[in-house]
Amino acid sequence: FLTAKKMPETLRVFVNTYLGESWEDEGERIDDLGLFKRKEEYTVPEEVILITAGVDIQDDRIEMEVVGWGLDEESWSLDYIRIYGDPSAPNIWNELDLHLSKTYKDMRIVSCCIDSGHHTQQVYKFCKPRLARRIFAIKGQAGESKTIIGRSSKNNIMRCPLFPVGVDTAKELIYSRLNIQNAGAGYCHFPMKYDEEYFRQLTAEKIITKYRR
């Protein structure tokens, strides 16, 4: 119990398996204003031991978040970047590469995942020559039984390794992390520079429980 109680996802397993009781989440909605008020003043905290990035491709822009990670998966959001332009043109990808090469307090981004749902071939073209830098193409897969990260495949015209991501499993994990109220294992920190739009997007999706039969 002392180990499991650190994070909601492990505590739920303890309650279901060891106690034989049903688990009920504390709430079905996350308040974006509540997260906005939780912002802190920091740059790169000493607790950060490695840095990753996630990239989403839209029709008119690229959005990228840089996150620092500490022990027990405690996280500190470090930077949120919006690069406006046509993702089918090379200049926007050159700018993304510059951001991915940036250092944060002498630490580099050790790995990055780029969603290939939009402008798929451009994502493959960018990721394949950068595999040594751990810049990977990913694609979401729906379904409750999916693991967060699956085995990669090269079943595409460019033979670029593509990793499937279980989006429902990942969203459930992120949702539970955002509900953690005290700093420590699994807690998500946000910097003062993040705007309200970031938190609106972060909390846009809601969990709806449906009962059948």
C-alpha atoms as a PDB file:
ATOM      1  CA  PHE A   1       0.000   0.000   0.000  1.00  0.00           C
ATOM      2  CA  LEU A   2       2.791   2.436   0.880  1.00  0.00           C
ATOM      3  CA  THR A   3       4.282   1.951  -2.587  1.00  0.00           C
ATOM      4  CA  ALA A   4       0.952   1.905  -4.429  1.00  0.00           C
ATOM      5  CA  LYS A   5      -0.497   5.051  -2.840  1.00  0.00           C
ATOM      6  CA  LYS A   6       2.073   7.302  -4.548  1.00  0.00           C
ATOM      7  CA  MET A   7       0.067   7.480  -7.775  1.00  0.00           C
ATOM      8  CA  PRO A   8      -3.643   6.967  -8.625  1.00  0.00           C
ATOM      9  CA  GLU A   9      -2.999   4.298 -11.275  1.00  0.00           C
ATOM     10  CA  THR A  10      -1.081   2.060  -8.852  1.00  0.00           C
ATOM     11  CA  LEU A  11      -3.459   2.753  -5.952  1.00  0.00           C
ATOM     12  CA  ARG A  12      -6.373   1.675  -8.144  1.00  0.00           C
ATOM     13  CA  VAL A  13      -4.709  -1.706  -8.777  1.00  0.00           C
ATOM     14  CA  PHE A  14      -4.205  -2.112  -5.007  1.00  0.00           C
ATOM     15  CA  VAL A  15      -7.849  -1.305  -4.245  1.00  0.00           C
ATOM     16  CA  ASN A  16      -9.172  -3.582  -7.010  1.00  0.00           C
ATOM     17  CA  THR A  17      -6.796  -6.520  -6.507  1.00  0.00           C
ATOM     18  CA  TYR A  18      -5.797  -6.607  -2.862  1.00  0.00           C
ATOM     19  CA  LEU A  19      -8.891  -5.132  -1.225  1.00  0.00           C
ATOM     20  CA  GLY A  20     -11.356  -6.572  -3.728  1.00  0.00           C
ATOM     21  CA  GLU A  21     -13.199  -3.251  -3.886  1.00  0.00           C
ATOM     22  CA  SER A  22     -14.298  -1.176  -6.864  1.00  0.00           C
ATOM     23  CA  TRP A  23     -12.315   1.937  -7.689  1.00  0.00           C
ATOM     24  CA  GLU A  24     -14.060   5.235  -8.233  1.00  0.00           C
ATOM     25  CA  ASP A  25     -12.215   8.282  -9.511  1.00  0.00           C
ATOM     26  CA  GLU A  26     -12.565  11.374  -7.367  1.00  0.00           C
ATOM     27  CA  GLY A  27     -13.970  13.367 -10.279  1.00  0.00           C
ATOM     28  CA  GLU A  28     -14.811  13.113 -13.957  1.00  0.00           C
ATOM     29  CA  ARG A  29     -13.741  16.632 -14.895  1.00  0.00           C
ATOM     30  CA  ILE A  30     -10.527  18.575 -14.555  1.00  0.00           C
ATOM     31  CA  ASP A  31     -10.838  22.287 -13.905  1.00  0.00           C
ATOM     32  CA  ASP A  32      -8.626  24.189 -16.348  1.00  0.00           C
ATOM     33  CA  LEU A  33      -8.747  27.274 -14.124  1.00  0.00           C
ATOM     34  CA  GLY A  34      -7.601  25.192 -11.165  1.00  0.00           C
ATOM     35  CA  LEU A  35      -4.559  24.002 -13.119  1.00  0.00           C
ATOM     36  CA  PHE A  36      -3.924  27.564 -14.331  1.00  0.00           C
ATOM     37  CA  LYS A  37      -3.805  28.811 -10.737  1.00  0.00           C
ATOM     38  CA  ARG A  38      -1.334  26.052  -9.902  1.00  0.00           C
ATOM     39  CA  LYS A  39       1.428  27.601 -12.009  1.00  0.00           C
ATOM     40  CA  GLU A  40       4.875  28.053 -10.448  1.00  0.00           C
ATOM     41  CA  GLU A  41       7.934  30.242 -11.000  1.00  0.00           C
ATOM     42  CA  TYR A  42      10.855  28.117 -12.266  1.00  0.00           C
ATOM     43  CA  THR A  43      13.130  27.564 -15.270  1.00  0.00           C
ATOM     44  CA  VAL A  44      14.740  24.116 -15.003  1.00  0.00           C
ATOM     45  CA  PRO A  45      14.470  22.734 -11.442  1.00  0.00           C
ATOM     46  CA  GLU A  46      17.361  20.776  -9.954  1.00  0.00           C
ATOM     47  CA  GLU A  47      15.084  17.741  -9.633  1.00  0.00           C
ATOM     48  CA  VAL A  48      14.958  17.367 -13.440  1.00  0.00           C
ATOM     49  CA  ILE A  49      17.219  14.521 -14.579  1.00  0.00           C
ATOM     50  CA  LEU A  50      16.167  14.180 -18.233  1.00  0.00           C
ATOM     51  CA  ILE A  51      14.132  16.084 -20.811  1.00  0.00           C
ATOM     52  CA  THR A  52      11.749  14.881 -23.517  1.00  0.00           C
ATOM     53  CA  ALA A  53       9.527  16.552 -26.103  1.00  0.00           C
ATOM     54  CA  GLY A  54       6.215  15.846 -27.797  1.00  0.00           C
ATOM     55  CA  VAL A  55       5.198  17.304 -31.160  1.00  0.00           C
ATOM     56  CA  ASP A  56       1.769  17.613 -32.787  1.00  0.00           C
ATOM     57  CA  ILE A  57       1.254  18.518 -36.445  1.00  0.00           C
ATOM     58  CA  GLN A  58      -1.700  20.677 -37.492  1.00  0.00           C
ATOM     59  CA  ASP A  59      -2.649  21.988 -40.938  1.00  0.00           C
ATOM     60  CA  ASP A  60      -1.212  25.456 -40.307  1.00  0.00           C
ATOM     61  CA  ARG A  61       1.335  24.939 -37.531  1.00  0.00           C
ATOM     62  CA  ILE A  62       3.476  22.649 -35.415  1.00  0.00           C
ATOM     63  CA  GLU A  63       3.013  22.586 -31.638  1.00  0.00           C
ATOM     64  CA  MET A  64       5.722  21.257 -29.337  1.00  0.00           C
ATOM     65  CA  GLU A  65       6.012  20.805 -25.585  1.00  0.00           C
ATOM     66  CA  VAL A  66       9.242  20.229 -23.692  1.00  0.00           C
ATOM     67  CA  VAL A  67       8.979  18.384 -20.359  1.00  0.00           C
ATOM     68  CA  GLY A  68      11.560  17.705 -17.652  1.00  0.00           C
ATOM     69  CA  TRP A  69      11.305  14.504 -15.628  1.00  0.00           C
ATOM     70  CA  GLY A  70      12.372  13.699 -12.086  1.00  0.00           C
ATOM     71  CA  LEU A  71      12.132  10.680  -9.816  1.00  0.00           C
ATOM     72  CA  ASP A  72       8.871   8.700  -9.700  1.00  0.00           C
ATOM     73  CA  GLU A  73       7.782  10.384 -12.960  1.00  0.00           C
ATOM     74  CA  GLU A  74       7.261  13.799 -11.399  1.00  0.00           C
ATOM     75  CA  SER A  75       7.243  16.226 -14.329  1.00  0.00           C
ATOM     76  CA  TRP A  76       7.958  19.903 -14.981  1.00  0.00           C
ATOM     77  CA  SER A  77       6.660  21.471 -18.180  1.00  0.00           C
ATOM     78  CA  LEU A  78       9.505  23.647 -19.452  1.00  0.00           C
ATOM     79  CA  ASP A  79       8.432  25.129 -22.767  1.00  0.00           C
ATOM     80  CA  TYR A  80       5.473  25.226 -25.175  1.00  0.00           C
ATOM     81  CA  ILE A  81       6.247  26.292 -28.719  1.00  0.00           C
ATOM     82  CA  ARG A  82       3.904  27.051 -31.609  1.00  0.00           C
ATOM     83  CA  ILE A  83       5.567  27.226 -35.037  1.00  0.00           C
ATOM     84  CA  TYR A  84       3.187  28.690 -37.602  1.00  0.00           C
ATOM     85  CA  GLY A  85       3.538  27.796 -41.272  1.00  0.00           C
ATOM     86  CA  ASP A  86       2.811  25.134 -43.870  1.00  0.00           C
ATOM     87  CA  PRO A  87       3.962  21.691 -42.647  1.00  0.00           C
ATOM     88  CA  SER A  88       4.422  20.610 -46.266  1.00  0.00           C
ATOM     89  CA  ALA A  89       7.239  23.182 -46.645  1.00  0.00           C
ATOM     90  CA  PRO A  90      10.791  22.466 -45.407  1.00  0.00           C
ATOM     91  CA  ASN A  91      11.378  25.739 -43.528  1.00  0.00           C
ATOM     92  CA  ILE A  92       8.946  24.915 -40.708  1.00  0.00           C
ATOM     93  CA  TRP A  93      10.724  21.590 -40.141  1.00  0.00           C
ATOM     94  CA  ASN A  94      14.089  23.336 -40.067  1.00  0.00           C
ATOM     95  CA  GLU A  95      12.758  25.565 -37.300  1.00  0.00           C
ATOM     96  CA  LEU A  96      11.466  22.519 -35.408  1.00  0.00           C
ATOM     97  CA  ASP A  97      14.921  20.945 -35.655  1.00  0.00           C
ATOM     98  CA  LEU A  98      16.455  24.060 -34.104  1.00  0.00           C
ATOM     99  CA  HIS A  99      14.050  23.861 -31.168  1.00  0.00           C
ATOM    100  CA  LEU A 100      14.805  20.169 -30.680  1.00  0.00           C
ATOM    101  CA  SER A 101      18.528  20.975 -30.603  1.00  0.00           C
ATOM    102  CA  LYS A 102      18.103  23.577 -27.875  1.00  0.00           C
ATOM    103  CA  THR A 103      19.664  22.977 -24.460  1.00  0.00           C
ATOM    104  CA  TYR A 104      17.944  23.583 -21.145  1.00  0.00           C
ATOM    105  CA  LYS A 105      20.424  24.272 -18.338  1.00  0.00           C
ATOM    106  CA  ASP A 106      23.083  22.285 -20.239  1.00  0.00           C
ATOM    107  CA  MET A 107      20.647  19.381 -20.782  1.00  0.00           C
ATOM    108  CA  ARG A 108      19.516  18.309 -24.228  1.00  0.00           C
ATOM    109  CA  ILE A 109      16.225  16.739 -25.233  1.00  0.00           C
ATOM    110  CA  VAL A 110      16.957  13.010 -24.985  1.00  0.00           C
ATOM    111  CA  SER A 111      13.936  11.848 -26.980  1.00  0.00           C
ATOM    112  CA  CYS A 112      10.984  13.227 -28.935  1.00  0.00           C
ATOM    113  CA  CYS A 113       7.777  11.731 -30.332  1.00  0.00           C
ATOM    114  CA  ILE A 114       6.016  13.300 -33.330  1.00  0.00           C
ATOM    115  CA  ASP A 115       2.385  12.497 -34.153  1.00  0.00           C
ATOM    116  CA  SER A 116       2.123  11.304 -37.752  1.00  0.00           C
ATOM    117  CA  GLY A 117      -1.646  11.719 -38.070  1.00  0.00           C
ATOM    118  CA  HIS A 118      -1.244  14.855 -40.213  1.00  0.00           C
ATOM    119  CA  HIS A 119       1.326  15.337 -42.999  1.00  0.00           C
ATOM    120  CA  THR A 120       2.428  11.748 -42.491  1.00  0.00           C
ATOM    121  CA  GLN A 121       5.120  11.602 -45.161  1.00  0.00           C
ATOM    122  CA  GLN A 122       6.736  14.813 -43.928  1.00  0.00           C
ATOM    123  CA  VAL A 123       6.866  13.340 -40.411  1.00  0.00           C
ATOM    124  CA  TYR A 124       8.542  10.179 -41.725  1.00  0.00           C
ATOM    125  CA  LYS A 125      10.989  12.227 -43.779  1.00  0.00           C
ATOM    126  CA  PHE A 126      11.937  14.253 -40.691  1.00  0.00           C
ATOM    127  CA  CYS A 127      12.159  11.371 -38.212  1.00  0.00           C
ATOM    128  CA  LYS A 128      13.963   8.666 -40.180  1.00  0.00           C
ATOM    129  CA  PRO A 129      17.380  10.397 -40.470  1.00  0.00           C
ATOM    130  CA  ARG A 130      17.134  11.467 -36.810  1.00  0.00           C
ATOM    131  CA  LEU A 131      16.572   8.064 -35.213  1.00  0.00           C
ATOM    132  CA  ALA A 132      19.996   8.286 -33.571  1.00  0.00           C
ATOM    133  CA  ARG A 133      18.694  11.344 -31.700  1.00  0.00           C
ATOM    134  CA  ARG A 134      15.668   9.284 -30.569  1.00  0.00           C
ATOM    135  CA  ILE A 135      13.221  11.341 -32.600  1.00  0.00           C
ATOM    136  CA  PHE A 136      10.383   8.931 -33.337  1.00  0.00           C
ATOM    137  CA  ALA A 137       7.189   8.930 -35.401  1.00  0.00           C
ATOM    138  CA  ILE A 138       4.080   7.784 -33.513  1.00  0.00           C
ATOM    139  CA  LYS A 139       0.448   7.076 -34.378  1.00  0.00           C
ATOM    140  CA  GLY A 140      -2.479   6.849 -31.988  1.00  0.00           C
ATOM    141  CA  GLN A 141      -4.570   3.709 -31.637  1.00  0.00           C
ATOM    142  CA  ALA A 142      -7.895   3.649 -29.819  1.00  0.00           C
ATOM    143  CA  GLY A 143      -8.915   0.827 -27.505  1.00  0.00           C
ATOM    144  CA  GLU A 144      -8.898   0.171 -23.773  1.00  0.00           C
ATOM    145  CA  SER A 145      -6.567  -2.819 -24.005  1.00  0.00           C
ATOM    146  CA  LYS A 146      -3.805  -1.012 -25.909  1.00  0.00           C
ATOM    147  CA  THR A 147      -0.457  -0.437 -24.209  1.00  0.00           C
ATOM    148  CA  ILE A 148       0.827   3.131 -24.113  1.00  0.00           C
ATOM    149  CA  ILE A 149       3.730   2.259 -26.425  1.00  0.00           C
ATOM    150  CA  GLY A 150       3.622  -0.726 -28.766  1.00  0.00           C
ATOM    151  CA  ARG A 151       6.239  -2.406 -30.919  1.00  0.00           C
ATOM    152  CA  SER A 152       7.427  -0.341 -33.875  1.00  0.00           C
ATOM    153  CA  SER A 153       6.850  -1.340 -37.489  1.00  0.00           C
ATOM    154  CA  LYS A 154       8.246  -0.209 -40.835  1.00  0.00           C
ATOM    155  CA  ASN A 155       5.139  -0.960 -42.839  1.00  0.00           C
ATOM    156  CA  ASN A 156       5.204   2.324 -44.748  1.00  0.00           C
ATOM    157  CA  ILE A 157       6.625   3.540 -48.032  1.00  0.00           C
ATOM    158  CA  MET A 158       9.626   5.217 -46.377  1.00  0.00           C
ATOM    159  CA  ARG A 159      10.398   2.253 -44.098  1.00  0.00           C
ATOM    160  CA  CYS A 160      10.446   4.650 -41.150  1.00  0.00           C
ATOM    161  CA  PRO A 161       9.952   3.020 -37.712  1.00  0.00           C
ATOM    162  CA  LEU A 162       6.462   3.919 -36.490  1.00  0.00           C
ATOM    163  CA  PHE A 163       5.418   3.379 -32.869  1.00  0.00           C
ATOM    164  CA  PRO A 164       1.723   2.836 -32.017  1.00  0.00           C
ATOM    165  CA  VAL A 165       0.420   4.726 -28.972  1.00  0.00           C
ATOM    166  CA  GLY A 166      -2.596   3.529 -26.999  1.00  0.00           C
ATOM    167  CA  VAL A 167      -4.339   6.884 -26.749  1.00  0.00           C
ATOM    168  CA  ASP A 168      -7.102   5.794 -24.373  1.00  0.00           C
ATOM    169  CA  THR A 169      -4.585   4.281 -21.969  1.00  0.00           C
ATOM    170  CA  ALA A 170      -2.332   7.332 -22.220  1.00  0.00           C
ATOM    171  CA  LYS A 171      -5.193   9.783 -21.663  1.00  0.00           C
ATOM    172  CA  GLU A 172      -6.351   7.847 -18.622  1.00  0.00           C
ATOM    173  CA  LEU A 173      -2.837   8.006 -17.188  1.00  0.00           C
ATOM    174  CA  ILE A 174      -2.476  11.748 -17.867  1.00  0.00           C
ATOM    175  CA  TYR A 175      -5.944  12.406 -16.446  1.00  0.00           C
ATOM    176  CA  SER A 176      -5.049  10.675 -13.182  1.00  0.00           C
ATOM    177  CA  ARG A 177      -1.737  12.565 -12.980  1.00  0.00           C
ATOM    178  CA  LEU A 178      -3.478  15.921 -13.374  1.00  0.00           C
ATOM    179  CA  ASN A 179      -5.712  15.036 -10.419  1.00  0.00           C
ATOM    180  CA  ILE A 180      -2.693  14.698  -8.104  1.00  0.00           C
ATOM    181  CA  GLN A 181      -2.737  17.752  -5.842  1.00  0.00           C
ATOM    182  CA  ASN A 182       0.561  17.515  -3.978  1.00  0.00           C
ATOM    183  CA  ALA A 183       4.081  17.693  -5.395  1.00  0.00           C
ATOM    184  CA  GLY A 184       5.807  14.339  -5.525  1.00  0.00           C
ATOM    185  CA  ALA A 185       5.413  11.102  -7.473  1.00  0.00           C
ATOM    186  CA  GLY A 186       3.510  11.660 -10.718  1.00  0.00           C
ATOM    187  CA  TYR A 187       2.754  15.333 -10.028  1.00  0.00           C
ATOM    188  CA  CYS A 188       2.664  17.726 -13.013  1.00  0.00           C
ATOM    189  CA  HIS A 189       4.253  21.180 -12.562  1.00  0.00           C
ATOM    190  CA  PHE A 190       3.451  24.079 -14.906  1.00  0.00           C
ATOM    191  CA  PRO A 191       5.466  27.303 -15.375  1.00  0.00           C
ATOM    192  CA  MET A 192       4.144  30.840 -15.006  1.00  0.00           C
ATOM    193  CA  LYS A 193       4.599  31.585 -18.733  1.00  0.00           C
ATOM    194  CA  TYR A 194       1.894  29.114 -19.835  1.00  0.00           C
ATOM    195  CA  ASP A 195      -1.269  30.866 -21.040  1.00  0.00           C
ATOM    196  CA  GLU A 196      -4.922  29.996 -20.436  1.00  0.00           C
ATOM    197  CA  GLU A 197      -5.269  28.497 -23.924  1.00  0.00           C
ATOM    198  CA  TYR A 198      -2.768  25.777 -23.008  1.00  0.00           C
ATOM    199  CA  PHE A 199      -4.881  24.654 -20.047  1.00  0.00           C
ATOM    200  CA  ARG A 200      -8.115  24.837 -22.050  1.00  0.00           C
ATOM    201  CA  GLN A 201      -6.632  22.451 -24.603  1.00  0.00           C
ATOM    202  CA  LEU A 202      -5.173  20.207 -21.906  1.00  0.00           C
ATOM    203  CA  THR A 203      -8.577  19.745 -20.229  1.00  0.00           C
ATOM    204  CA  ALA A 204     -10.752  19.819 -23.364  1.00  0.00           C
ATOM    205  CA  GLU A 205     -11.613  16.114 -23.251  1.00  0.00           C
ATOM    206  CA  LYS A 206     -13.799  14.704 -20.485  1.00  0.00           C
ATOM    207  CA  ILE A 207     -14.236  11.185 -19.140  1.00  0.00           C
ATOM    208  CA  ILE A 208     -17.760   9.859 -19.623  1.00  0.00           C
ATOM    209  CA  THR A 209     -18.665   6.536 -18.014  1.00  0.00           C
ATOM    210  CA  LYS A 210     -21.370   4.503 -19.766  1.00  0.00           C
ATOM    211  CA  TYR A 211     -23.017   1.411 -18.335  1.00  0.00           C
ATOM    212  CA  ARG A 212     -24.361  -1.348 -20.608  1.00  0.00           C
ATOM    213  CA  ARG A 213     -26.447  -4.296 -19.426  1.00  0.00           C
END
